[in-house]
Amino acid sequence: MTLGNVFTFTAGWQEMVMIILYFLVLIYIGWYAYQKSTSNLDEYMLGGRNIGPWVTALSAGASDMSGWMLMGLPGEAYSAGVSAAWIAIGLTIGAYVNYLVTAPRLRVYSEVSNNSITLPDFFDNRFRDNSNIIRIISGLVIVVFFAVYTASGMVAGGKLFENAFNTNYFIGLFIVAAIVIIYTFLGGYLAVSLTDLFQGVIMFIAMVIVPITAYFTLTANYDVEPLVRLDELAALNDVSYLSLFAGVGAVTIISGLAWGLGYFGQPHIIIRFMSARSHKILPAARRIGISWMAIALLGSVTTGILGVVFIDTTAENIVDPETILILMSQVLFNPFVGGFFLAAILAAIMSTISSQLLVTSSSLVQDFFRLSRDKFKKKETKTDEQLDRMYVGAGRISVVLVAIVAIIIAWDDESVVLDIVANAWAGFGAAFGPLVILALHWKKMTRSGAIASIVTGAATVILWVYVFDEFGTGLYSIIPGFILATIAGIVVSLMTQKEITQDMKREFVRTTEIVKEK
């Protein structure tokens, strides 16, 4: 590490030791999960629906936040101040409402409706779609978007190794991909969830300790009062660091808050609800998850804001604001602790990659391989045990195949990939969010309405961003996409009520009865 006018950092052997230990823990968890929960597809893809509240909550949080919480958000707060927190506020509100509106009914309904183990599987069973159109469309949306999503995480991991360890970008890319593939390949959903729990704890510790240590270092070692100095720097830099509303208009605030709508349609997050041991543990998971999220996001914003004073006080400078957490963690702590915080950034990246990898592979197996096999295989010759081994094997092969595709995409780390990923959250939120809510809570929702909702939501986001260029409004694409998808789902469903069967009505009522049980 060298400190001058511009911060540069190359990890030493101490940081290397911590990263290697971190990787070894991940591989061990994968091996443990392999022994415990991979005997059939339900176990491999959903952990046998036996996940407790802590793992449910922290795996949902860790797979959601990605590197954005440890790099993107602190960087935005460093540049713009507290006003950068609108997206964080929207996400926290959205996550809380998602736990209330989606979690209990999806956990129960997905099991009542023919033990559905993927989101497309649930849509297909919920609406008795004998044509499998819903399954195929939603499966394609998941495979295409998540392949790119996964690639973006690998790009971030490769760049972290390139910058922190002074390695070739492609070496870092392969290291990150290899570790994620190993523990996901071995242990499936249980491995991903347990590693997310572990990684969520690491991320939480980083987001609590770094800003607290920075504050006391500034006050004790440099005799600087951060809030007073921020006011002085605000006048010098013409940035209102402590104002939530300074420099932002109504559209920016609405768009930031609208990020919360995305939660209702993110397959890698809501699948956590499907895997819970029971709907009865979800209130505890909600309290754990939202507390984790709120404290971690607060720490993230605080890190960025304190970073302004820290850079000013120590006379350091950084080229990229998103490296502010790396700078502060390496300057404030000894190399072993600094290595721990590098592991926290990797944890944020890898927890999201593994979740997306598993959801994509499960969709390939359940929504394409199994579907096509059932259609063309006239007579089944395999036993249930043989079928379980075959489908789990297919799931493992799919993990590797999706990872290879992601590596190919990540080979070119140009911004065009990241631009697509920036809109993937809106794409999933608009395509699946309204449908998930309507499917769970409105008994008049039909198969045709579901198809209309998915197509309208996805198409609106794509057209809004890539064809109409947001009409010059700057309004986040999930807002028109979510609204139009909801309208399309309701209108088309009301026109096709004849599609509703008695079995569909009974399942809806049965789900309501079970959810009410205490």
Protein backbone atom coordinates (compact mmCIF):
# COMPACT_ATOMS: atom_id res chain seq x y z
CA MET A 1 0.00 0.00 0.00
CA THR A 2 1.26 3.48 -0.85
CA LEU A 3 -0.24 6.73 0.34
CA GLY A 4 0.33 10.00 -1.43
CA ASN A 5 -1.79 12.52 -3.24
CA VAL A 6 -3.60 9.63 -4.88
CA PHE A 7 -4.51 6.47 -2.95
CA THR A 8 -3.25 3.21 -4.42
CA PHE A 9 -3.38 -0.17 -2.81
CA THR A 10 -1.81 -3.56 -3.42
CA ALA A 11 -2.68 -6.32 -0.99
CA GLY A 12 0.14 -7.90 0.98
CA TRP A 13 0.50 -11.42 2.31
CA GLN A 14 -1.70 -10.66 5.32
CA GLU A 15 -4.64 -9.70 3.12
CA MET A 16 -3.95 -12.75 0.95
CA VAL A 17 -4.16 -15.00 4.02
CA MET A 18 -7.54 -13.58 4.98
CA ILE A 19 -8.94 -13.98 1.46
CA ILE A 20 -7.69 -17.58 1.26
CA LEU A 21 -9.28 -18.36 4.65
CA TYR A 22 -12.51 -16.82 3.40
CA PHE A 23 -12.47 -19.00 0.28
CA LEU A 24 -11.75 -22.13 2.33
CA VAL A 25 -14.77 -21.44 4.55
CA LEU A 26 -16.98 -21.13 1.46
CA ILE A 27 -15.74 -24.43 0.04
CA TYR A 28 -16.23 -26.17 3.39
CA ILE A 29 -19.83 -24.90 3.54
CA GLY A 30 -20.39 -26.26 0.04
CA TRP A 31 -19.08 -29.66 1.10
CA TYR A 32 -21.22 -29.62 4.27
CA ALA A 33 -24.36 -28.81 2.25
CA TYR A 34 -23.47 -31.57 -0.24
CA GLN A 35 -23.60 -34.08 2.61
CA LYS A 36 -26.81 -32.71 4.09
CA SER A 37 -29.21 -31.67 1.35
CA THR A 38 -28.69 -32.77 -2.24
CA SER A 39 -30.55 -36.09 -2.51
CA ASN A 40 -33.33 -34.75 -4.76
CA LEU A 41 -34.17 -31.68 -6.83
CA ASP A 42 -36.34 -30.13 -4.11
CA GLU A 43 -33.40 -30.28 -1.68
CA TYR A 44 -30.83 -29.14 -4.24
CA MET A 45 -32.91 -26.18 -5.46
CA LEU A 46 -34.84 -25.21 -2.29
CA GLY A 47 -32.94 -26.79 0.61
CA GLY A 48 -35.84 -29.18 1.23
CA ARG A 49 -37.98 -26.20 2.36
CA ASN A 50 -36.29 -26.43 5.75
CA ILE A 51 -34.51 -23.08 6.08
CA GLY A 52 -34.77 -21.18 9.38
CA PRO A 53 -35.38 -17.45 9.97
CA TRP A 54 -31.74 -16.33 10.30
CA VAL A 55 -30.61 -18.02 7.10
CA THR A 56 -33.77 -16.93 5.25
CA ALA A 57 -33.30 -13.30 6.29
CA LEU A 58 -29.55 -12.90 5.78
CA SER A 59 -29.43 -14.94 2.58
CA ALA A 60 -32.17 -12.70 1.13
CA GLY A 61 -30.27 -9.60 2.24
CA ALA A 62 -26.82 -10.71 1.13
CA SER A 63 -27.98 -11.95 -2.28
CA ASP A 64 -29.83 -8.68 -2.79
CA MET A 65 -27.30 -6.02 -1.82
CA SER A 66 -24.32 -7.16 -3.93
CA GLY A 67 -21.29 -4.88 -4.24
CA TRP A 68 -23.59 -1.88 -4.52
CA MET A 69 -23.93 -1.60 -0.74
CA LEU A 70 -20.17 -1.69 -0.10
CA MET A 71 -18.95 0.26 -3.11
CA GLY A 72 -21.72 1.92 -5.12
CA LEU A 73 -23.73 3.51 -2.29
CA PRO A 74 -20.72 4.77 -0.28
CA GLY A 75 -19.39 6.25 -3.51
CA GLU A 76 -22.68 8.04 -4.21
CA ALA A 77 -22.83 9.36 -0.64
CA TYR A 78 -19.22 10.55 -0.91
CA SER A 79 -20.11 12.52 -4.04
CA ALA A 80 -23.62 13.77 -3.26
CA GLY A 81 -24.14 13.42 0.49
CA VAL A 82 -27.23 12.11 2.27
CA SER A 83 -29.40 12.74 -0.80
CA ALA A 84 -27.86 9.57 -2.26
CA ALA A 85 -29.90 7.61 0.28
CA TRP A 86 -33.24 7.77 -1.57
CA ILE A 87 -32.64 4.45 -3.31
CA ALA A 88 -31.65 2.90 0.03
CA ILE A 89 -34.85 4.23 1.61
CA GLY A 90 -36.93 2.87 -1.27
CA LEU A 91 -35.24 -0.53 -1.04
CA THR A 92 -35.77 -0.78 2.73
CA ILE A 93 -39.47 0.09 2.44
CA GLY A 94 -39.89 -2.28 -0.51
CA ALA A 95 -38.18 -5.14 1.31
CA TYR A 96 -40.37 -4.65 4.38
CA VAL A 97 -43.60 -4.62 2.36
CA ASN A 98 -42.37 -7.63 0.38
CA TYR A 99 -42.02 -9.61 3.62
CA LEU A 100 -45.60 -8.67 4.53
CA VAL A 101 -47.34 -9.01 1.16
CA THR A 102 -45.41 -11.71 -0.65
CA ALA A 103 -43.54 -13.93 1.79
CA PRO A 104 -46.25 -15.82 3.76
CA ARG A 105 -48.60 -16.51 0.87
CA LEU A 106 -45.83 -17.45 -1.57
CA ARG A 107 -44.34 -19.91 0.93
CA VAL A 108 -47.72 -21.63 1.38
CA TYR A 109 -49.12 -21.24 -2.13
CA SER A 110 -46.00 -22.59 -3.86
CA GLU A 111 -46.29 -25.80 -1.83
CA VAL A 112 -50.08 -26.12 -2.10
CA SER A 113 -49.85 -25.63 -5.86
CA ASN A 114 -48.13 -28.92 -6.74
CA ASN A 115 -44.98 -28.21 -4.69
CA SER A 116 -43.62 -25.59 -7.09
CA ILE A 117 -39.86 -25.10 -6.71
CA THR A 118 -39.20 -22.23 -9.12
CA LEU A 119 -41.11 -19.03 -9.84
CA PRO A 120 -42.08 -20.12 -13.41
CA ASP A 121 -43.07 -23.48 -11.91
CA PHE A 122 -45.42 -21.69 -9.52
CA PHE A 123 -46.97 -19.56 -12.27
CA ASP A 124 -47.52 -22.66 -14.39
CA ASN A 125 -49.19 -24.61 -11.58
CA ARG A 126 -51.14 -21.65 -10.19
CA PHE A 127 -52.85 -20.93 -13.52
CA ARG A 128 -53.09 -24.53 -14.82
CA ASP A 129 -51.17 -23.57 -17.95
CA ASN A 130 -51.25 -26.79 -19.93
CA SER A 131 -49.62 -25.02 -22.87
CA ASN A 132 -46.60 -24.15 -20.68
CA ILE A 133 -46.41 -20.71 -22.29
CA ILE A 134 -46.07 -18.93 -18.93
CA ARG A 135 -43.31 -21.28 -17.83
CA ILE A 136 -41.36 -20.83 -21.06
CA ILE A 137 -41.72 -17.03 -21.22
CA SER A 138 -40.81 -16.49 -17.57
CA GLY A 139 -38.02 -19.06 -17.80
CA LEU A 140 -36.53 -17.22 -20.78
CA VAL A 141 -36.70 -13.89 -18.91
CA ILE A 142 -34.85 -15.44 -15.97
CA VAL A 143 -32.17 -17.20 -18.04
CA VAL A 144 -31.39 -14.22 -20.28
CA PHE A 145 -31.38 -11.49 -17.61
CA PHE A 146 -29.60 -13.54 -14.97
CA ALA A 147 -26.88 -14.68 -17.34
CA VAL A 148 -25.98 -11.02 -17.79
CA TYR A 149 -26.55 -10.25 -14.11
CA THR A 150 -24.18 -13.04 -13.11
CA ALA A 151 -21.60 -11.78 -15.59
CA SER A 152 -21.68 -8.31 -14.02
CA GLY A 153 -20.81 -9.80 -10.63
CA MET A 154 -17.90 -11.68 -12.14
CA VAL A 155 -16.70 -8.46 -13.79
CA ALA A 156 -16.77 -6.75 -10.37
CA GLY A 157 -14.87 -9.64 -8.78
CA GLY A 158 -12.28 -9.64 -11.54
CA LYS A 159 -11.75 -5.90 -11.20
CA LEU A 160 -11.41 -6.15 -7.43
CA PHE A 161 -8.62 -8.71 -7.80
CA GLU A 162 -7.02 -6.64 -10.53
CA ASN A 163 -6.98 -3.48 -8.39
CA ALA A 164 -6.37 -4.92 -4.92
CA PHE A 165 -4.00 -7.78 -5.70
CA ASN A 166 -2.36 -6.38 -8.82
CA THR A 167 -3.34 -9.50 -10.78
CA ASN A 168 -4.52 -9.87 -14.34
CA TYR A 169 -8.26 -9.16 -14.65
CA PHE A 170 -8.90 -12.58 -16.20
CA ILE A 171 -7.13 -14.38 -13.35
CA GLY A 172 -9.39 -12.61 -10.86
CA LEU A 173 -12.40 -13.44 -13.01
CA PHE A 174 -11.55 -17.16 -13.02
CA ILE A 175 -10.80 -17.24 -9.27
CA VAL A 176 -14.15 -15.72 -8.35
CA ALA A 177 -16.02 -17.90 -10.85
CA ALA A 178 -14.25 -21.07 -9.72
CA ILE A 179 -14.98 -20.59 -5.99
CA VAL A 180 -18.65 -19.77 -6.62
CA ILE A 181 -19.03 -22.75 -8.99
CA ILE A 182 -17.46 -25.15 -6.49
CA TYR A 183 -19.71 -24.44 -3.52
CA THR A 184 -22.87 -23.96 -5.64
CA PHE A 185 -22.14 -27.10 -7.66
CA LEU A 186 -21.61 -29.17 -4.52
CA GLY A 187 -24.25 -27.95 -2.10
CA GLY A 188 -26.96 -26.30 -4.17
CA TYR A 189 -29.45 -24.08 -2.40
CA LEU A 190 -28.39 -24.98 1.14
CA ALA A 191 -24.76 -24.11 0.33
CA VAL A 192 -25.80 -20.82 -1.27
CA SER A 193 -28.02 -19.93 1.69
CA LEU A 194 -25.43 -20.84 4.34
CA THR A 195 -22.66 -18.98 2.53
CA ASP A 196 -25.04 -16.02 2.22
CA LEU A 197 -25.56 -16.15 6.00
CA PHE A 198 -21.79 -16.16 6.54
CA GLN A 199 -21.24 -13.43 3.97
CA GLY A 200 -24.13 -11.36 5.32
CA VAL A 201 -22.50 -11.33 8.75
CA ILE A 202 -19.17 -10.21 7.23
CA MET A 203 -20.88 -7.42 5.27
CA PHE A 204 -22.77 -6.26 8.37
CA ILE A 205 -19.61 -6.14 10.49
CA ALA A 206 -17.84 -4.08 7.83
CA MET A 207 -20.67 -1.58 7.54
CA VAL A 208 -20.81 -1.08 11.31
CA ILE A 209 -17.13 -1.03 12.24
CA VAL A 210 -15.68 1.11 9.43
CA PRO A 211 -17.82 4.25 9.97
CA ILE A 212 -17.59 4.01 13.79
CA THR A 213 -13.80 3.66 13.67
CA ALA A 214 -13.53 6.48 11.14
CA TYR A 215 -15.58 8.80 13.35
CA PHE A 216 -13.54 8.18 16.49
CA THR A 217 -10.26 8.35 14.55
CA LEU A 218 -11.20 11.78 13.22
CA THR A 219 -12.29 13.10 16.61
CA ALA A 220 -9.54 11.53 18.76
CA ASN A 221 -6.48 11.50 16.47
CA TYR A 222 -7.13 14.60 14.37
CA ASP A 223 -9.33 16.66 16.73
CA VAL A 224 -11.89 17.10 13.94
CA GLU A 225 -15.64 17.22 14.54
CA PRO A 226 -17.03 15.51 11.39
CA LEU A 227 -20.45 17.22 11.34
CA VAL A 228 -18.92 20.68 11.76
CA ARG A 229 -16.30 20.02 9.10
CA LEU A 230 -18.99 18.68 6.72
CA ASP A 231 -20.83 22.00 6.96
CA GLU A 232 -17.61 23.84 6.16
CA LEU A 233 -16.83 21.54 3.22
CA ALA A 234 -20.40 21.91 1.96
CA ALA A 235 -19.82 25.61 1.52
CA LEU A 236 -16.47 25.04 -0.18
CA ASN A 237 -17.63 22.25 -2.53
CA ASP A 238 -21.17 23.56 -3.08
CA VAL A 239 -22.60 20.20 -1.98
CA SER A 240 -25.13 19.96 0.87
CA TYR A 241 -23.76 16.76 2.36
CA LEU A 242 -26.24 16.56 5.24
CA SER A 243 -29.43 17.47 3.34
CA LEU A 244 -31.73 14.71 2.12
CA PHE A 245 -33.44 17.01 -0.38
CA ALA A 246 -30.60 19.21 -1.66
CA GLY A 247 -29.86 18.87 -5.35
CA VAL A 248 -32.62 16.35 -6.04
CA GLY A 249 -35.98 16.91 -7.71
CA ALA A 250 -39.31 15.14 -7.41
CA VAL A 251 -38.50 12.73 -10.26
CA THR A 252 -35.23 11.69 -8.61
CA ILE A 253 -36.95 11.07 -5.28
CA ILE A 254 -39.83 9.13 -6.84
CA SER A 255 -37.45 7.08 -8.99
CA GLY A 256 -35.26 6.30 -5.96
CA LEU A 257 -38.21 5.17 -3.87
CA ALA A 258 -39.54 3.14 -6.83
CA TRP A 259 -36.57 0.80 -6.55
CA GLY A 260 -38.54 -0.82 -3.75
CA LEU A 261 -41.10 -2.07 -6.28
CA GLY A 262 -38.44 -4.32 -7.76
CA TYR A 263 -38.45 -6.64 -4.74
CA PHE A 264 -41.79 -8.20 -5.66
CA GLY A 265 -40.33 -9.63 -8.87
CA GLN A 266 -36.73 -10.60 -8.07
CA PRO A 267 -36.55 -14.43 -8.40
CA HIS A 268 -33.30 -14.78 -6.43
CA ILE A 269 -34.85 -12.95 -3.45
CA ILE A 270 -38.41 -14.24 -3.28
CA ILE A 271 -37.25 -17.84 -3.71
CA ARG A 272 -35.94 -17.43 -0.15
CA PHE A 273 -39.54 -17.25 1.03
CA MET A 274 -40.39 -20.47 -0.82
CA SER A 275 -37.57 -22.32 0.95
CA ALA A 276 -38.49 -21.26 4.49
CA ARG A 277 -39.28 -24.03 6.98
CA SER A 278 -42.78 -22.62 7.48
CA HIS A 279 -44.69 -19.40 6.86
CA LYS A 280 -44.76 -19.06 10.64
CA ILE A 281 -41.02 -18.26 10.83
CA LEU A 282 -41.28 -15.41 8.31
CA PRO A 283 -42.21 -12.64 10.82
CA ALA A 284 -38.98 -13.43 12.69
CA ALA A 285 -37.09 -13.45 9.38
CA ARG A 286 -38.62 -10.08 8.54
CA ARG A 287 -37.43 -8.51 11.80
CA ILE A 288 -33.93 -9.93 11.33
CA GLY A 289 -33.70 -9.07 7.64
CA ILE A 290 -35.00 -5.51 7.82
CA SER A 291 -32.86 -4.73 10.88
CA TRP A 292 -29.79 -6.06 9.04
CA MET A 293 -30.66 -4.09 5.94
CA ALA A 294 -31.46 -0.78 7.65
CA ILE A 295 -28.32 -0.79 9.82
CA ALA A 296 -26.05 -1.91 6.97
CA LEU A 297 -27.41 0.71 4.55
CA LEU A 298 -27.13 3.41 7.20
CA GLY A 299 -23.51 2.37 7.74
CA SER A 300 -22.92 2.45 4.00
CA VAL A 301 -24.20 6.01 3.61
CA THR A 302 -22.36 7.12 6.76
CA THR A 303 -19.10 5.64 5.44
CA GLY A 304 -19.39 7.70 2.26
CA ILE A 305 -20.18 10.93 4.11
CA LEU A 306 -17.42 10.46 6.69
CA GLY A 307 -15.13 9.66 3.77
CA VAL A 308 -15.43 13.30 2.66
CA VAL A 309 -14.02 14.49 5.99
CA PHE A 310 -11.50 11.66 6.14
CA ILE A 311 -10.02 12.50 2.72
CA ASP A 312 -9.94 16.20 3.56
CA THR A 313 -8.31 15.63 6.95
CA THR A 314 -5.68 13.10 5.87
CA ALA A 315 -4.87 15.01 2.64
CA GLU A 316 -5.48 11.88 0.61
CA ASN A 317 -7.28 11.73 -2.71
CA ILE A 318 -9.04 9.01 -4.65
CA VAL A 319 -9.79 8.82 -8.35
CA ASP A 320 -12.89 6.64 -7.99
CA PRO A 321 -15.33 7.50 -5.15
CA GLU A 322 -16.54 3.89 -5.12
CA THR A 323 -13.22 2.85 -3.60
CA ILE A 324 -13.77 4.97 -0.48
CA LEU A 325 -14.57 1.91 1.67
CA ILE A 326 -11.42 0.14 0.46
CA LEU A 327 -9.31 3.22 1.23
CA MET A 328 -10.71 3.72 4.72
CA SER A 329 -10.55 0.03 5.65
CA GLN A 330 -6.91 -0.26 4.58
CA VAL A 331 -5.76 3.00 6.21
CA LEU A 332 -7.65 2.61 9.49
CA PHE A 333 -6.90 -1.03 10.26
CA ASN A 334 -3.96 -3.44 10.30
CA PRO A 335 -3.49 -5.64 7.21
CA PHE A 336 -5.29 -8.69 8.65
CA VAL A 337 -8.39 -6.68 9.46
CA GLY A 338 -8.04 -4.90 6.14
CA GLY A 339 -8.04 -8.31 4.47
CA PHE A 340 -11.25 -9.12 6.33
CA PHE A 341 -12.88 -6.04 4.84
CA LEU A 342 -11.71 -6.99 1.35
CA ALA A 343 -13.39 -10.33 1.99
CA ALA A 344 -16.55 -8.39 2.90
CA ILE A 345 -16.56 -6.73 -0.53
CA LEU A 346 -15.99 -10.09 -2.19
CA ALA A 347 -18.79 -11.53 -0.03
CA ALA A 348 -21.20 -8.91 -1.35
CA ILE A 349 -20.25 -9.75 -4.92
CA MET A 350 -20.13 -13.54 -4.62
CA SER A 351 -23.34 -13.95 -2.59
CA THR A 352 -25.27 -12.36 -5.45
CA ILE A 353 -23.48 -14.37 -8.14
CA SER A 354 -24.20 -17.71 -6.45
CA SER A 355 -27.89 -16.88 -5.91
CA GLN A 356 -28.38 -15.84 -9.50
CA LEU A 357 -26.43 -18.84 -10.73
CA LEU A 358 -28.64 -21.26 -8.81
CA VAL A 359 -31.93 -19.61 -9.82
CA THR A 360 -30.89 -19.70 -13.48
CA SER A 361 -29.79 -23.33 -13.33
CA SER A 362 -32.99 -24.34 -11.53
CA SER A 363 -35.00 -22.66 -14.26
CA LEU A 364 -33.05 -24.48 -16.95
CA VAL A 365 -33.70 -27.84 -15.28
CA GLN A 366 -37.27 -27.40 -14.06
CA ASP A 367 -38.65 -25.15 -16.78
CA PHE A 368 -36.86 -26.50 -19.86
CA PHE A 369 -35.06 -29.84 -19.38
CA ARG A 370 -37.73 -31.49 -17.23
CA LEU A 371 -40.54 -29.99 -19.29
CA SER A 372 -39.14 -31.21 -22.61
CA ARG A 373 -38.32 -34.63 -21.16
CA ASP A 374 -41.85 -35.09 -19.80
CA LYS A 375 -43.28 -34.07 -23.16
CA PHE A 376 -41.23 -36.38 -25.35
CA LYS A 377 -40.71 -39.30 -22.96
CA LYS A 378 -43.78 -41.42 -23.53
CA LYS A 379 -43.04 -44.06 -20.90
CA GLU A 380 -40.94 -43.55 -17.79
CA THR A 381 -38.38 -46.30 -17.23
CA LYS A 382 -36.44 -44.77 -14.35
CA THR A 383 -37.24 -45.15 -10.64
CA ASP A 384 -37.94 -42.10 -8.47
CA GLU A 385 -34.46 -42.39 -6.99
CA GLN A 386 -32.87 -42.52 -10.43
CA LEU A 387 -34.92 -39.50 -11.52
CA ASP A 388 -33.80 -37.55 -8.45
CA ARG A 389 -30.14 -38.29 -9.20
CA MET A 390 -30.62 -37.34 -12.84
CA TYR A 391 -32.29 -34.01 -12.11
CA VAL A 392 -29.76 -33.04 -9.42
CA GLY A 393 -27.00 -33.96 -11.86
CA ALA A 394 -28.66 -31.82 -14.52
CA GLY A 395 -28.82 -28.98 -11.99
CA ARG A 396 -25.09 -29.23 -11.34
CA ILE A 397 -24.31 -29.30 -15.06
CA SER A 398 -26.55 -26.25 -15.53
CA VAL A 399 -24.61 -24.36 -12.84
CA VAL A 400 -21.40 -24.91 -14.78
CA LEU A 401 -22.99 -24.06 -18.15
CA VAL A 402 -24.52 -20.81 -16.89
CA ALA A 403 -21.20 -19.88 -15.27
CA ILE A 404 -19.37 -20.49 -18.56
CA VAL A 405 -21.83 -18.25 -20.43
CA ALA A 406 -21.41 -15.58 -17.73
CA ILE A 407 -17.61 -15.79 -18.03
CA ILE A 408 -17.86 -15.36 -21.80
CA ILE A 409 -20.04 -12.26 -21.33
CA ALA A 410 -17.72 -10.96 -18.61
CA TRP A 411 -14.70 -11.42 -20.88
CA ASP A 412 -15.53 -8.04 -22.36
CA ASP A 413 -15.97 -5.74 -19.39
CA GLU A 414 -17.19 -2.79 -21.43
CA SER A 415 -19.92 -0.63 -19.91
CA VAL A 416 -22.60 -1.93 -22.28
CA VAL A 417 -22.96 -5.06 -20.11
CA LEU A 418 -23.27 -2.96 -16.99
CA ASP A 419 -25.83 -0.72 -18.69
CA ILE A 420 -28.01 -3.75 -19.38
CA VAL A 421 -27.65 -4.95 -15.79
CA ALA A 422 -28.60 -1.51 -14.45
CA ASN A 423 -32.04 -2.07 -15.99
CA ALA A 424 -32.38 -5.76 -15.08
CA TRP A 425 -33.76 -4.91 -11.63
CA ALA A 426 -36.52 -2.90 -13.32
CA GLY A 427 -37.05 -5.66 -15.90
CA PHE A 428 -37.63 -8.35 -13.26
CA GLY A 429 -39.65 -6.01 -11.07
CA ALA A 430 -42.02 -5.00 -13.86
CA ALA A 431 -42.26 -8.42 -15.53
CA PHE A 432 -42.84 -10.50 -12.39
CA GLY A 433 -43.74 -8.07 -9.57
CA PRO A 434 -47.37 -7.27 -10.48
CA LEU A 435 -47.98 -10.90 -11.44
CA VAL A 436 -46.64 -12.22 -8.12
CA ILE A 437 -48.87 -9.85 -6.14
CA LEU A 438 -51.97 -10.54 -8.25
CA ALA A 439 -51.39 -14.30 -8.35
CA LEU A 440 -51.10 -14.44 -4.57
CA HIS A 441 -53.91 -12.07 -3.56
CA TRP A 442 -56.47 -11.89 -6.39
CA LYS A 443 -58.49 -15.02 -7.05
CA LYS A 444 -59.76 -13.67 -10.40
CA MET A 445 -56.27 -13.63 -11.93
CA THR A 446 -56.10 -15.87 -15.02
CA ARG A 447 -53.52 -17.51 -17.25
CA SER A 448 -54.04 -15.00 -20.07
CA GLY A 449 -53.79 -12.14 -17.58
CA ALA A 450 -50.49 -13.56 -16.32
CA ILE A 451 -49.03 -13.73 -19.81
CA ALA A 452 -50.19 -10.18 -20.56
CA SER A 453 -48.65 -8.91 -17.33
CA ILE A 454 -45.23 -10.51 -17.95
CA VAL A 455 -45.00 -9.39 -21.58
CA THR A 456 -46.26 -5.86 -20.87
CA GLY A 457 -43.92 -5.31 -17.93
CA ALA A 458 -40.79 -6.57 -19.69
CA ALA A 459 -41.61 -4.81 -22.97
CA THR A 460 -42.35 -1.48 -21.28
CA VAL A 461 -39.00 -1.43 -19.48
CA ILE A 462 -37.08 -2.29 -22.65
CA LEU A 463 -38.94 0.26 -24.78
CA TRP A 464 -38.81 2.96 -22.10
CA VAL A 465 -35.03 2.71 -21.81
CA TYR A 466 -33.75 1.66 -25.23
CA VAL A 467 -36.32 3.08 -27.67
CA PHE A 468 -37.95 6.12 -26.09
CA ASP A 469 -34.96 7.11 -23.93
CA GLU A 470 -37.30 7.74 -20.95
CA PHE A 471 -39.01 10.48 -23.00
CA GLY A 472 -36.40 12.79 -21.53
CA THR A 473 -38.03 12.61 -18.09
CA GLY A 474 -35.34 10.65 -16.22
CA LEU A 475 -38.15 8.62 -14.63
CA TYR A 476 -37.03 5.13 -13.58
CA SER A 477 -38.38 2.55 -16.02
CA ILE A 478 -39.87 0.30 -13.33
CA ILE A 479 -42.61 2.89 -12.65
CA PRO A 480 -44.34 2.79 -16.06
CA GLY A 481 -43.50 -0.91 -16.41
CA PHE A 482 -45.06 -1.84 -13.05
CA ILE A 483 -48.18 0.28 -13.62
CA LEU A 484 -48.86 -0.97 -17.16
CA ALA A 485 -48.17 -4.61 -16.24
CA THR A 486 -50.66 -4.36 -13.37
CA ILE A 487 -53.32 -2.83 -15.61
CA ALA A 488 -52.72 -5.43 -18.34
CA GLY A 489 -52.98 -8.31 -15.85
CA ILE A 490 -56.24 -7.05 -14.36
CA VAL A 491 -57.95 -6.08 -17.64
CA VAL A 492 -57.09 -9.28 -19.51
CA SER A 493 -58.01 -11.43 -16.51
CA LEU A 494 -61.46 -9.82 -16.28
CA MET A 495 -61.94 -10.64 -19.97
CA THR A 496 -60.93 -14.31 -19.53
CA GLN A 497 -62.70 -15.44 -16.35
CA LYS A 498 -63.69 -18.74 -17.97
CA GLU A 499 -60.07 -19.92 -17.53
CA ILE A 500 -60.52 -20.18 -13.75
CA THR A 501 -61.11 -23.78 -12.63
CA GLN A 502 -62.53 -25.20 -9.42
CA ASP A 503 -59.09 -26.55 -8.52
CA MET A 504 -57.64 -23.04 -8.78
CA LYS A 505 -60.36 -21.70 -6.49
CA ARG A 506 -59.81 -24.47 -3.95
CA GLU A 507 -56.03 -23.87 -3.87
CA PHE A 508 -56.57 -20.14 -3.34
CA VAL A 509 -58.94 -20.75 -0.44
CA ARG A 510 -56.68 -23.45 1.05
CA THR A 511 -53.70 -21.10 0.92
CA THR A 512 -55.67 -18.41 2.74
CA GLU A 513 -56.68 -20.88 5.44
CA ILE A 514 -53.12 -22.07 6.04
CA VAL A 515 -51.68 -18.55 6.13
CA LYS A 516 -54.17 -17.60 8.84
CA GLU A 517 -52.96 -20.45 11.05
CA LYS A 518 -50.82 -19.26 13.95
